[in-house]
Amino acid sequence: MRKPEPNPAFAASLIAWQRVHGRHTLPWQNTRDPYRVWLSEIMLQQTQVATVLGYYERFLQRLPDVAALAAASLDEVFALWSGLGYYSRARNLHRCAQAVVEQHGGRFPRGSAALAQLPGIGRSTAAAIAAFCFGERVAILDGNVKRVLTRVLAFDVDLAEAKHERALWAQATALLPERGIERYTQGLMDLGATLCTQRAPRCLLCPVPAHCAAARAGTPERYPVKTRKLRRGKREHVWLCLLWRDEVWLVQRPPTGVWAGLWSLPEFESHAAFETASGAWPGRGESLASFTHTLTHLDWTLHPMRWRLPDRLGAARRGALTRAWPTGRWFGLDEALAAGVPAPLRKLLTPAGAPLR
């Protein structure tokens, strides 16, 4: 692997392009507030800008600074995050805010090395905060930037191996300009998001084709090289929508795994298991439309079963029936919508169609 070499012309061309053609109106730009930059960086992990915009604004309206986030309940954070996915990000966001308040007096550390020690802030996110908010000359390496740099450098070794990713970090650091780190960093992000895309990159519009080995060779789609592929799984459950009067029974999911910590519906491994459990239940049940919820690593087929208990059913009988789910409790439907629930359950609970009402 060749030794990293500076390339001032690459940085200068990228900075000039970003000044004229880059993105300048996103709500987390044009600020040196670490809270806002950090929040955007976490939300943008694995999520497109168009999806993040609404969540970002709503989150800031309710929790405008790190102290407000630290003081909020995890349920409130999950509720604001509901539908954005990758809920471990929300949990780490909450933990990080508490650490900033408790360990740093409510102020984010000014250096990337210290930022990277906070919960949920990796090396690239720490570098982005340090570059945009404090002007630190440090490289980022998110997905877009990896794609741009591996193409520019014809970096053809497998990024699934840690030693090769470390080598790319070294290359990225060697390319950093002496001045203009904020615009350079934003330029890399913008280039990867708008022109140097994973499929059909628009090399004719690229500001740095003379510096891009992949463009010169006509092989940009060969990069980045990453051989380790995620193995998708399949899962299938009956989802119990247990109703009594205007309330629904929700259970809090375990602290690890899919939808960790969120409020959701009780699950049964099969229709046969559900029928065995519900054989002596009072009330009536009916099947709702089955659907498959697609997660990053999993296709989860869910068969909702609505079961409405009699309005006059006493507390003792209800308690005996729900004893199987000790982490559960009754929620009013509006209360459930305000809680941290997964996206498919939110659809079941919303008035449009209102299958649970």
Protein backbone atom coordinates (compact mmCIF):
# COMPACT_ATOMS: atom_id res chain seq x y z
CA MET A 1 0.00 0.00 0.00
CA ARG A 2 1.47 3.32 -1.03
CA LYS A 3 2.46 5.98 1.47
CA PRO A 4 -0.14 8.73 1.99
CA GLU A 5 0.76 11.94 0.18
CA PRO A 6 -0.71 15.46 0.49
CA ASN A 7 -2.64 16.77 -2.51
CA PRO A 8 -3.35 20.49 -2.04
CA ALA A 9 -4.92 20.79 -5.50
CA PHE A 10 -7.57 18.19 -4.62
CA ALA A 11 -8.61 20.07 -1.49
CA ALA A 12 -8.57 23.45 -3.26
CA SER A 13 -10.79 22.19 -6.09
CA LEU A 14 -13.23 20.60 -3.65
CA ILE A 15 -13.44 23.72 -1.48
CA ALA A 16 -14.06 25.95 -4.52
CA TRP A 17 -16.83 23.63 -5.72
CA GLN A 18 -18.50 23.45 -2.32
CA ARG A 19 -18.53 27.25 -2.06
CA VAL A 20 -20.59 27.53 -5.27
CA HIS A 21 -22.37 24.21 -5.77
CA GLY A 22 -22.47 22.54 -2.35
CA ARG A 23 -25.36 22.38 0.10
CA HIS A 24 -25.74 25.47 2.28
CA THR A 25 -29.33 25.53 3.54
CA LEU A 26 -29.68 22.38 5.64
CA PRO A 27 -30.89 23.30 9.15
CA TRP A 28 -27.78 21.92 10.86
CA GLN A 29 -25.41 23.95 8.70
CA ASN A 30 -24.13 27.47 9.38
CA THR A 31 -23.88 26.79 13.09
CA ARG A 32 -21.09 26.09 15.52
CA ASP A 33 -23.45 24.66 18.13
CA PRO A 34 -22.06 21.18 18.92
CA TYR A 35 -25.49 19.98 20.10
CA ARG A 36 -27.11 20.67 16.73
CA VAL A 37 -24.20 19.28 14.71
CA TRP A 38 -24.03 16.18 16.90
CA LEU A 39 -27.78 15.57 16.68
CA SER A 40 -27.70 15.83 12.89
CA GLU A 41 -24.69 13.53 12.60
CA ILE A 42 -26.38 10.83 14.70
CA MET A 43 -29.68 11.13 12.84
CA LEU A 44 -27.96 10.98 9.45
CA GLN A 45 -26.27 7.67 10.22
CA GLN A 46 -27.93 5.11 7.91
CA THR A 47 -30.73 7.61 7.15
CA GLN A 48 -31.31 9.94 4.20
CA VAL A 49 -31.41 13.72 4.58
CA ALA A 50 -35.02 13.95 3.35
CA THR A 51 -36.15 11.64 6.15
CA VAL A 52 -34.11 13.36 8.83
CA LEU A 53 -35.32 16.92 8.18
CA GLY A 54 -38.70 16.62 9.90
CA TYR A 55 -37.37 14.58 12.81
CA TYR A 56 -34.55 17.05 13.39
CA GLU A 57 -36.87 20.05 13.61
CA ARG A 58 -39.36 18.29 15.91
CA PHE A 59 -36.57 17.03 18.17
CA LEU A 60 -35.11 20.51 18.59
CA GLN A 61 -38.51 22.05 19.27
CA ARG A 62 -39.04 19.68 22.19
CA LEU A 63 -35.40 19.30 23.36
CA PRO A 64 -33.53 22.43 22.25
CA ASP A 65 -30.23 21.79 24.04
CA VAL A 66 -28.15 19.09 25.65
CA ALA A 67 -29.45 19.86 29.15
CA ALA A 68 -33.05 19.39 28.01
CA LEU A 69 -32.17 16.09 26.37
CA ALA A 70 -30.31 14.86 29.45
CA ALA A 71 -33.30 15.72 31.66
CA ALA A 72 -35.85 14.02 29.38
CA SER A 73 -37.02 10.47 29.97
CA LEU A 74 -35.84 7.75 27.62
CA ASP A 75 -39.50 7.13 26.70
CA GLU A 76 -39.77 10.73 25.54
CA VAL A 77 -36.63 10.41 23.45
CA PHE A 78 -37.92 7.18 21.90
CA ALA A 79 -41.24 8.88 21.11
CA LEU A 80 -39.45 11.66 19.23
CA TRP A 81 -37.32 9.06 17.44
CA SER A 82 -40.17 6.67 16.59
CA GLY A 83 -40.08 5.75 12.90
CA LEU A 84 -36.49 6.88 12.36
CA GLY A 85 -35.15 3.39 13.06
CA TYR A 86 -31.86 2.14 14.52
CA TYR A 87 -33.14 2.90 18.02
CA SER A 88 -29.80 2.24 19.68
CA ARG A 89 -28.88 5.69 18.31
CA ALA A 90 -31.63 7.26 20.41
CA ARG A 91 -30.52 5.39 23.53
CA ASN A 92 -26.90 6.44 23.00
CA LEU A 93 -28.00 10.00 22.29
CA HIS A 94 -29.68 10.12 25.69
CA ARG A 95 -26.70 8.53 27.47
CA CYS A 96 -24.31 10.91 25.75
CA ALA A 97 -26.33 13.98 26.75
CA GLN A 98 -26.30 12.82 30.36
CA ALA A 99 -22.52 12.27 30.20
CA VAL A 100 -21.97 15.76 28.75
CA VAL A 101 -24.01 17.30 31.58
CA GLU A 102 -22.59 15.15 34.39
CA GLN A 103 -18.96 14.94 33.29
CA HIS A 104 -18.43 18.14 31.29
CA GLY A 105 -20.77 20.65 32.89
CA GLY A 106 -23.14 20.68 29.92
CA ARG A 107 -20.45 21.64 27.38
CA PHE A 108 -19.18 19.30 24.69
CA PRO A 109 -15.41 18.71 24.78
CA ARG A 110 -13.61 20.76 22.14
CA GLY A 111 -11.36 18.03 20.73
CA SER A 112 -12.18 15.00 18.59
CA ALA A 113 -10.24 12.63 20.87
CA ALA A 114 -12.30 13.64 23.93
CA LEU A 115 -15.55 13.65 21.95
CA ALA A 116 -14.91 10.08 20.80
CA GLN A 117 -14.91 8.94 24.44
CA LEU A 118 -18.58 9.90 24.86
CA PRO A 119 -21.28 7.19 24.48
CA GLY A 120 -22.36 6.62 20.90
CA ILE A 121 -19.86 9.04 19.32
CA GLY A 122 -17.47 7.22 17.05
CA ARG A 123 -14.31 8.55 15.46
CA SER A 124 -15.97 10.01 12.37
CA THR A 125 -18.81 11.70 14.26
CA ALA A 126 -16.33 13.14 16.76
CA ALA A 127 -14.24 14.48 13.89
CA ALA A 128 -17.26 16.09 12.22
CA ILE A 129 -18.24 17.90 15.44
CA ALA A 130 -14.64 19.01 16.05
CA ALA A 131 -14.17 20.22 12.46
CA PHE A 132 -17.47 22.08 12.09
CA CYS A 133 -17.71 23.53 15.60
CA PHE A 134 -14.11 24.01 16.69
CA GLY A 135 -12.16 24.13 13.41
CA GLU A 136 -10.00 21.13 14.29
CA ARG A 137 -7.96 19.82 11.36
CA VAL A 138 -9.16 16.22 11.49
CA ALA A 139 -10.50 13.73 8.94
CA ILE A 140 -13.98 12.24 8.86
CA LEU A 141 -14.79 8.91 7.27
CA ASP A 142 -18.53 8.34 7.02
CA GLY A 143 -20.12 6.30 4.26
CA ASN A 144 -20.20 9.09 1.69
CA VAL A 145 -16.63 10.13 2.38
CA LYS A 146 -15.36 6.56 2.19
CA ARG A 147 -16.91 6.23 -1.24
CA VAL A 148 -15.38 9.48 -2.51
CA LEU A 149 -11.90 8.81 -1.15
CA THR A 150 -11.67 5.17 -2.19
CA ARG A 151 -12.50 6.28 -5.74
CA VAL A 152 -10.10 9.22 -5.72
CA LEU A 153 -7.30 7.00 -4.42
CA ALA A 154 -8.31 3.77 -6.23
CA PHE A 155 -8.18 2.27 -2.76
CA ASP A 156 -8.84 -1.33 -3.77
CA VAL A 157 -8.38 -3.30 -0.54
CA ASP A 158 -11.17 -4.69 1.59
CA LEU A 159 -12.57 -2.17 4.10
CA ALA A 160 -14.14 -5.04 6.01
CA GLU A 161 -10.65 -5.56 7.48
CA ALA A 162 -9.75 -3.15 10.26
CA LYS A 163 -6.15 -2.69 9.10
CA HIS A 164 -7.35 -1.48 5.70
CA GLU A 165 -9.80 0.96 7.24
CA ARG A 166 -6.97 2.32 9.38
CA ALA A 167 -4.93 2.78 6.21
CA LEU A 168 -7.78 4.76 4.64
CA TRP A 169 -7.91 6.97 7.74
CA ALA A 170 -4.22 7.71 7.20
CA GLN A 171 -4.85 8.59 3.55
CA ALA A 172 -7.79 10.81 4.51
CA THR A 173 -5.65 12.62 7.07
CA ALA A 174 -2.87 13.18 4.52
CA LEU A 175 -5.33 14.89 2.16
CA LEU A 176 -6.52 17.44 4.74
CA PRO A 177 -5.92 21.08 3.76
CA GLU A 178 -4.01 23.46 6.01
CA ARG A 179 -6.96 25.88 5.97
CA GLY A 180 -10.69 25.70 5.22
CA ILE A 181 -11.35 22.44 7.07
CA GLU A 182 -15.07 23.17 7.54
CA ARG A 183 -15.78 23.76 3.86
CA TYR A 184 -13.50 20.89 2.81
CA THR A 185 -15.29 18.47 5.15
CA GLN A 186 -18.71 19.67 3.96
CA GLY A 187 -17.51 19.37 0.37
CA LEU A 188 -16.61 15.71 0.81
CA MET A 189 -20.04 15.04 2.32
CA ASP A 190 -21.83 16.97 -0.43
CA LEU A 191 -19.89 15.31 -3.22
CA GLY A 192 -20.69 11.84 -1.92
CA ALA A 193 -24.36 12.68 -1.39
CA THR A 194 -25.04 14.40 -4.71
CA LEU A 195 -22.59 13.35 -7.45
CA CYS A 196 -20.30 10.54 -6.29
CA THR A 197 -23.22 8.25 -5.52
CA GLN A 198 -23.06 4.50 -5.06
CA ARG A 199 -24.76 3.80 -8.37
CA ALA A 200 -24.40 5.82 -11.56
CA PRO A 201 -21.92 8.41 -10.25
CA ARG A 202 -22.00 11.60 -12.33
CA CYS A 203 -18.31 11.90 -13.05
CA LEU A 204 -18.82 14.49 -15.82
CA LEU A 205 -20.05 16.98 -13.20
CA CYS A 206 -17.42 16.12 -10.60
CA PRO A 207 -15.14 18.98 -9.48
CA VAL A 208 -12.10 16.72 -8.98
CA PRO A 209 -11.92 14.30 -11.97
CA ALA A 210 -8.26 15.10 -12.58
CA HIS A 211 -7.48 13.88 -9.07
CA CYS A 212 -9.68 10.78 -9.17
CA ALA A 213 -7.94 7.56 -10.19
CA ALA A 214 -11.24 5.68 -10.55
CA ALA A 215 -12.70 8.34 -12.85
CA ARG A 216 -9.61 8.28 -15.05
CA ALA A 217 -9.84 4.50 -15.31
CA GLY A 218 -13.61 4.56 -15.86
CA THR A 219 -14.16 2.24 -12.88
CA PRO A 220 -15.78 4.28 -10.07
CA GLU A 221 -18.37 1.61 -9.27
CA ARG A 222 -15.59 -0.81 -8.24
CA TYR A 223 -15.12 1.20 -5.06
CA PRO A 224 -15.31 0.95 -2.12
CA VAL A 225 -14.34 -2.70 -1.74
CA LYS A 226 -16.12 -4.41 1.13
CA THR A 227 -16.63 -8.15 0.89
CA ARG A 228 -18.37 -8.83 4.19
CA LYS A 229 -22.09 -8.77 3.51
CA LEU A 230 -24.91 -8.72 6.01
CA ARG A 231 -26.85 -11.97 6.18
CA ARG A 232 -30.55 -11.24 6.21
CA GLY A 233 -32.76 -13.21 8.53
CA LYS A 234 -36.47 -13.98 8.60
CA ARG A 235 -38.81 -13.89 11.57
CA GLU A 236 -42.54 -14.47 11.99
CA HIS A 237 -44.85 -13.76 14.94
CA VAL A 238 -48.46 -13.25 15.89
CA TRP A 239 -48.82 -9.73 17.28
CA LEU A 240 -51.49 -9.40 19.97
CA CYS A 241 -53.51 -6.17 19.96
CA LEU A 242 -55.19 -6.63 23.34
CA LEU A 243 -57.86 -3.97 23.96
CA TRP A 244 -59.99 -3.07 26.94
CA ARG A 245 -62.30 -0.09 26.66
CA ASP A 246 -60.12 2.66 25.18
CA GLU A 247 -56.81 1.14 26.22
CA VAL A 248 -54.25 -1.16 24.63
CA TRP A 249 -51.82 -3.45 26.47
CA LEU A 250 -48.19 -2.72 25.58
CA VAL A 251 -45.05 -4.43 26.81
CA GLN A 252 -41.62 -2.88 27.07
CA ARG A 253 -39.13 -4.76 24.94
CA PRO A 254 -35.80 -6.01 26.37
CA PRO A 255 -32.85 -3.58 26.55
CA THR A 256 -31.08 -5.34 23.67
CA GLY A 257 -32.21 -6.62 20.29
CA VAL A 258 -34.74 -5.29 17.78
CA TRP A 259 -36.68 -2.24 19.06
CA ALA A 260 -34.80 -2.47 22.35
CA GLY A 261 -36.55 -0.57 25.13
CA LEU A 262 -39.55 0.46 23.03
CA TRP A 263 -43.18 -0.24 23.92
CA SER A 264 -44.70 -2.81 21.61
CA LEU A 265 -47.37 -5.54 21.39
CA PRO A 266 -47.05 -9.00 22.95
CA GLU A 267 -45.79 -11.65 20.53
CA PHE A 268 -46.54 -15.34 19.98
CA GLU A 269 -44.29 -17.70 18.08
CA SER A 270 -47.15 -19.09 15.99
CA HIS A 271 -50.92 -19.08 15.46
CA ALA A 272 -51.07 -22.40 17.33
CA ALA A 273 -49.32 -20.87 20.36
CA PHE A 274 -51.72 -17.94 20.32
CA GLU A 275 -54.77 -20.17 20.06
CA THR A 276 -53.56 -22.25 23.01
CA ALA A 277 -52.99 -19.17 25.17
CA SER A 278 -56.26 -17.44 24.25
CA GLY A 279 -58.55 -20.45 24.42
CA ALA A 280 -60.24 -19.39 27.69
CA TRP A 281 -60.02 -15.60 27.25
CA PRO A 282 -63.23 -13.58 27.52
CA GLY A 283 -64.16 -11.28 24.67
CA ARG A 284 -63.67 -11.70 20.97
CA GLY A 285 -60.77 -11.79 18.55
CA GLU A 286 -60.23 -11.15 14.87
CA SER A 287 -57.29 -11.19 12.50
CA LEU A 288 -55.97 -7.98 10.96
CA ALA A 289 -54.00 -7.80 7.74
CA SER A 290 -50.58 -9.43 7.96
CA PHE A 291 -47.52 -7.52 6.76
CA THR A 292 -43.73 -7.82 6.57
CA HIS A 293 -41.65 -5.14 8.25
CA THR A 294 -38.20 -4.79 6.65
CA LEU A 295 -35.25 -4.03 8.90
CA THR A 296 -31.61 -3.72 7.91
CA HIS A 297 -30.82 -7.34 8.74
CA LEU A 298 -34.26 -8.90 9.01
CA ASP A 299 -37.60 -9.41 7.26
CA TRP A 300 -40.16 -9.68 10.04
CA THR A 301 -43.62 -10.98 9.14
CA LEU A 302 -46.25 -9.95 11.68
CA HIS A 303 -49.82 -11.24 11.95
CA PRO A 304 -51.78 -8.76 14.10
CA MET A 305 -54.62 -10.30 16.08
CA ARG A 306 -57.06 -7.87 17.67
CA TRP A 307 -58.68 -9.13 20.87
CA ARG A 308 -61.22 -6.92 22.59
CA LEU A 309 -61.98 -7.72 26.23
CA PRO A 310 -65.48 -7.04 27.63
CA ASP A 311 -65.86 -3.52 29.06
CA ARG A 312 -67.19 -4.91 32.35
CA LEU A 313 -64.28 -7.29 32.90
CA GLY A 314 -62.95 -6.82 36.45
CA ALA A 315 -59.42 -5.81 37.44
CA ALA A 316 -58.59 -9.23 38.94
CA ARG A 317 -59.53 -11.07 35.74
CA ARG A 318 -57.60 -8.57 33.59
CA GLY A 319 -54.61 -8.90 35.88
CA ALA A 320 -54.64 -12.69 35.61
CA LEU A 321 -54.79 -12.48 31.85
CA THR A 322 -51.92 -9.98 31.48
CA ARG A 323 -49.67 -11.60 34.10
CA ALA A 324 -47.79 -13.35 31.28
CA TRP A 325 -46.22 -9.99 30.33
CA PRO A 326 -44.75 -8.50 33.53
CA THR A 327 -43.16 -5.55 31.71
CA GLY A 328 -46.52 -4.43 30.31
CA ARG A 329 -49.19 -1.93 31.23
CA TRP A 330 -52.38 -0.41 29.81
CA PHE A 331 -52.07 2.69 27.63
CA GLY A 332 -54.74 5.01 26.36
CA LEU A 333 -54.39 5.10 22.59
CA ASP A 334 -53.34 8.75 22.54
CA GLU A 335 -50.89 8.04 25.37
CA ALA A 336 -49.45 5.15 23.37
CA LEU A 337 -48.92 7.41 20.35
CA ALA A 338 -46.94 9.78 22.58
CA ALA A 339 -44.72 6.94 23.82
CA GLY A 340 -41.75 5.32 22.15
CA VAL A 341 -43.35 2.71 19.88
CA PRO A 342 -41.98 1.12 16.69
CA ALA A 343 -43.13 2.48 13.34
CA PRO A 344 -45.48 -0.40 12.37
CA LEU A 345 -47.30 -0.15 15.68
CA ARG A 346 -47.64 3.60 15.28
CA LYS A 347 -49.42 2.93 11.99
CA LEU A 348 -51.84 0.60 13.73
CA LEU A 349 -52.56 3.20 16.38
CA THR A 350 -53.05 6.25 14.16
CA PRO A 351 -56.55 7.44 13.22
CA ALA A 352 -56.03 6.81 9.49
CA GLY A 353 -57.74 3.45 9.13
CA ALA A 354 -57.78 3.13 12.93
CA PRO A 355 -57.69 -0.69 13.13
CA LEU A 356 -57.36 -0.58 16.91
CA ARG A 357 -60.08 1.97 17.58
